[in-house]
Amino acid sequence: MDEKQVFTKCQLRLIPFIFLLYTVNYIDRVNVAFAALTMNKDLNLSPIVYGTSASIFFVAYMIFQVPANLILEKIGARR
């Protein structure tokens, strides 16, 4: 195969998958925002407290995602 065919094959396989991941990520962020509409009122949270807690959640998620995947790859997932 020449270089152009390799890039075309990679494009056809990767771009739809990346688009799917981006869409799921967007839906997840939107769901958190919709939950905030009623959750803030029910729990008497200010917008600053909600924003701080959401930031802590996402930062912790990013920090622990890589080690969790490395451990999962090493020991495997149980059925």
C-alpha atoms as a PDB file:
ATOM      1  CA  MET A   1       0.000   0.000   0.000  1.00  0.00           C
ATOM      2  CA  ASP A   2       1.142   3.477  -0.668  1.00  0.00           C
ATOM      3  CA  GLU A   3       1.049   6.272   1.878  1.00  0.00           C
ATOM      4  CA  LYS A   4      -2.199   7.808   0.610  1.00  0.00           C
ATOM      5  CA  GLN A   5      -4.081   4.516   0.974  1.00  0.00           C
ATOM      6  CA  VAL A   6      -2.819   4.101   4.540  1.00  0.00           C
ATOM      7  CA  PHE A   7      -3.976   7.589   5.519  1.00  0.00           C
ATOM      8  CA  THR A   8      -7.356   7.059   3.847  1.00  0.00           C
ATOM      9  CA  LYS A   9      -7.852   3.766   5.682  1.00  0.00           C
ATOM     10  CA  CYS A  10      -6.916   5.374   9.000  1.00  0.00           C
ATOM     11  CA  GLN A  11      -9.272   8.275   8.340  1.00  0.00           C
ATOM     12  CA  LEU A  12     -12.195   5.991   7.576  1.00  0.00           C
ATOM     13  CA  ARG A  13     -11.652   4.039  10.782  1.00  0.00           C
ATOM     14  CA  LEU A  14     -10.628   6.743  13.252  1.00  0.00           C
ATOM     15  CA  ILE A  15     -12.695   9.802  12.400  1.00  0.00           C
ATOM     16  CA  PRO A  16     -16.131   8.186  12.988  1.00  0.00           C
ATOM     17  CA  PHE A  17     -14.907   6.728  16.303  1.00  0.00           C
ATOM     18  CA  ILE A  18     -13.451  10.064  17.436  1.00  0.00           C
ATOM     19  CA  PHE A  19     -16.706  11.783  16.469  1.00  0.00           C
ATOM     20  CA  LEU A  20     -18.650   9.239  18.550  1.00  0.00           C
ATOM     21  CA  LEU A  21     -16.377   9.853  21.557  1.00  0.00           C
ATOM     22  CA  TYR A  22     -16.734  13.615  21.188  1.00  0.00           C
ATOM     23  CA  THR A  23     -20.531  13.298  21.028  1.00  0.00           C
ATOM     24  CA  VAL A  24     -20.676  11.141  24.164  1.00  0.00           C
ATOM     25  CA  ASN A  25     -18.380  13.586  25.968  1.00  0.00           C
ATOM     26  CA  TYR A  26     -20.628  16.506  25.003  1.00  0.00           C
ATOM     27  CA  ILE A  27     -23.771  14.687  26.154  1.00  0.00           C
ATOM     28  CA  ASP A  28     -22.093  13.908  29.485  1.00  0.00           C
ATOM     29  CA  ARG A  29     -21.219  17.566  30.054  1.00  0.00           C
ATOM     30  CA  VAL A  30     -24.715  18.678  29.109  1.00  0.00           C
ATOM     31  CA  ASN A  31     -26.246  16.168  31.532  1.00  0.00           C
ATOM     32  CA  VAL A  32     -24.173  17.616  34.377  1.00  0.00           C
ATOM     33  CA  ALA A  33     -25.421  21.093  33.488  1.00  0.00           C
ATOM     34  CA  PHE A  34     -29.056  19.933  33.380  1.00  0.00           C
ATOM     35  CA  ALA A  35     -28.647  18.190  36.734  1.00  0.00           C
ATOM     36  CA  ALA A  36     -27.388  21.459  38.196  1.00  0.00           C
ATOM     37  CA  LEU A  37     -30.671  23.205  37.421  1.00  0.00           C
ATOM     38  CA  THR A  38     -32.638  21.269  40.035  1.00  0.00           C
ATOM     39  CA  MET A  39     -29.786  19.980  42.194  1.00  0.00           C
ATOM     40  CA  ASN A  40     -28.594  23.454  43.161  1.00  0.00           C
ATOM     41  CA  LYS A  41     -32.058  24.442  44.342  1.00  0.00           C
ATOM     42  CA  ASP A  42     -32.680  21.159  46.185  1.00  0.00           C
ATOM     43  CA  LEU A  43     -29.318  21.212  47.982  1.00  0.00           C
ATOM     44  CA  ASN A  44     -29.146  24.994  48.427  1.00  0.00           C
ATOM     45  CA  LEU A  45     -25.864  25.235  46.533  1.00  0.00           C
ATOM     46  CA  SER A  46     -24.543  28.492  45.191  1.00  0.00           C
ATOM     47  CA  PRO A  47     -23.207  28.587  41.625  1.00  0.00           C
ATOM     48  CA  ILE A  48     -19.670  28.974  42.993  1.00  0.00           C
ATOM     49  CA  VAL A  49     -19.962  25.853  45.150  1.00  0.00           C
ATOM     50  CA  TYR A  50     -21.406  23.881  42.250  1.00  0.00           C
ATOM     51  CA  GLY A  51     -18.684  25.048  39.857  1.00  0.00           C
ATOM     52  CA  THR A  52     -15.946  24.201  42.337  1.00  0.00           C
ATOM     53  CA  SER A  53     -17.344  20.727  43.027  1.00  0.00           C
ATOM     54  CA  ALA A  54     -17.779  20.000  39.311  1.00  0.00           C
ATOM     55  CA  SER A  55     -14.187  21.115  38.679  1.00  0.00           C
ATOM     56  CA  ILE A  56     -12.864  18.877  41.464  1.00  0.00           C
ATOM     57  CA  PHE A  57     -14.836  15.944  40.039  1.00  0.00           C
ATOM     58  CA  PHE A  58     -13.439  16.389  36.526  1.00  0.00           C
ATOM     59  CA  VAL A  59      -9.854  16.967  37.709  1.00  0.00           C
ATOM     60  CA  ALA A  60     -10.001  13.828  39.871  1.00  0.00           C
ATOM     61  CA  TYR A  61     -11.494  11.920  36.961  1.00  0.00           C
ATOM     62  CA  MET A  62      -8.623  12.978  34.696  1.00  0.00           C
ATOM     63  CA  ILE A  63      -5.955  12.179  37.314  1.00  0.00           C
ATOM     64  CA  PHE A  64      -7.231   8.689  38.149  1.00  0.00           C
ATOM     65  CA  GLN A  65      -8.270   7.643  34.641  1.00  0.00           C
ATOM     66  CA  VAL A  66      -4.750   6.760  33.440  1.00  0.00           C
ATOM     67  CA  PRO A  67      -3.699   4.672  36.492  1.00  0.00           C
ATOM     68  CA  ALA A  68      -7.040   2.857  36.471  1.00  0.00           C
ATOM     69  CA  ASN A  69      -6.621   1.901  32.831  1.00  0.00           C
ATOM     70  CA  LEU A  70      -3.038   0.760  33.420  1.00  0.00           C
ATOM     71  CA  ILE A  71      -4.129  -1.437  36.329  1.00  0.00           C
ATOM     72  CA  LEU A  72      -7.018  -2.797  34.306  1.00  0.00           C
ATOM     73  CA  GLU A  73      -4.665  -3.669  31.456  1.00  0.00           C
ATOM     74  CA  LYS A  74      -2.256  -5.394  33.867  1.00  0.00           C
ATOM     75  CA  ILE A  75      -4.695  -7.491  35.892  1.00  0.00           C
ATOM     76  CA  GLY A  76      -7.563  -7.689  33.381  1.00  0.00           C
ATOM     77  CA  ALA A  77     -11.271  -7.262  33.814  1.00  0.00           C
ATOM     78  CA  ARG A  78     -13.309  -9.945  35.528  1.00  0.00           C
ATOM     79  CA  ARG A  79     -16.349 -11.193  33.690  1.00  0.00           C
END
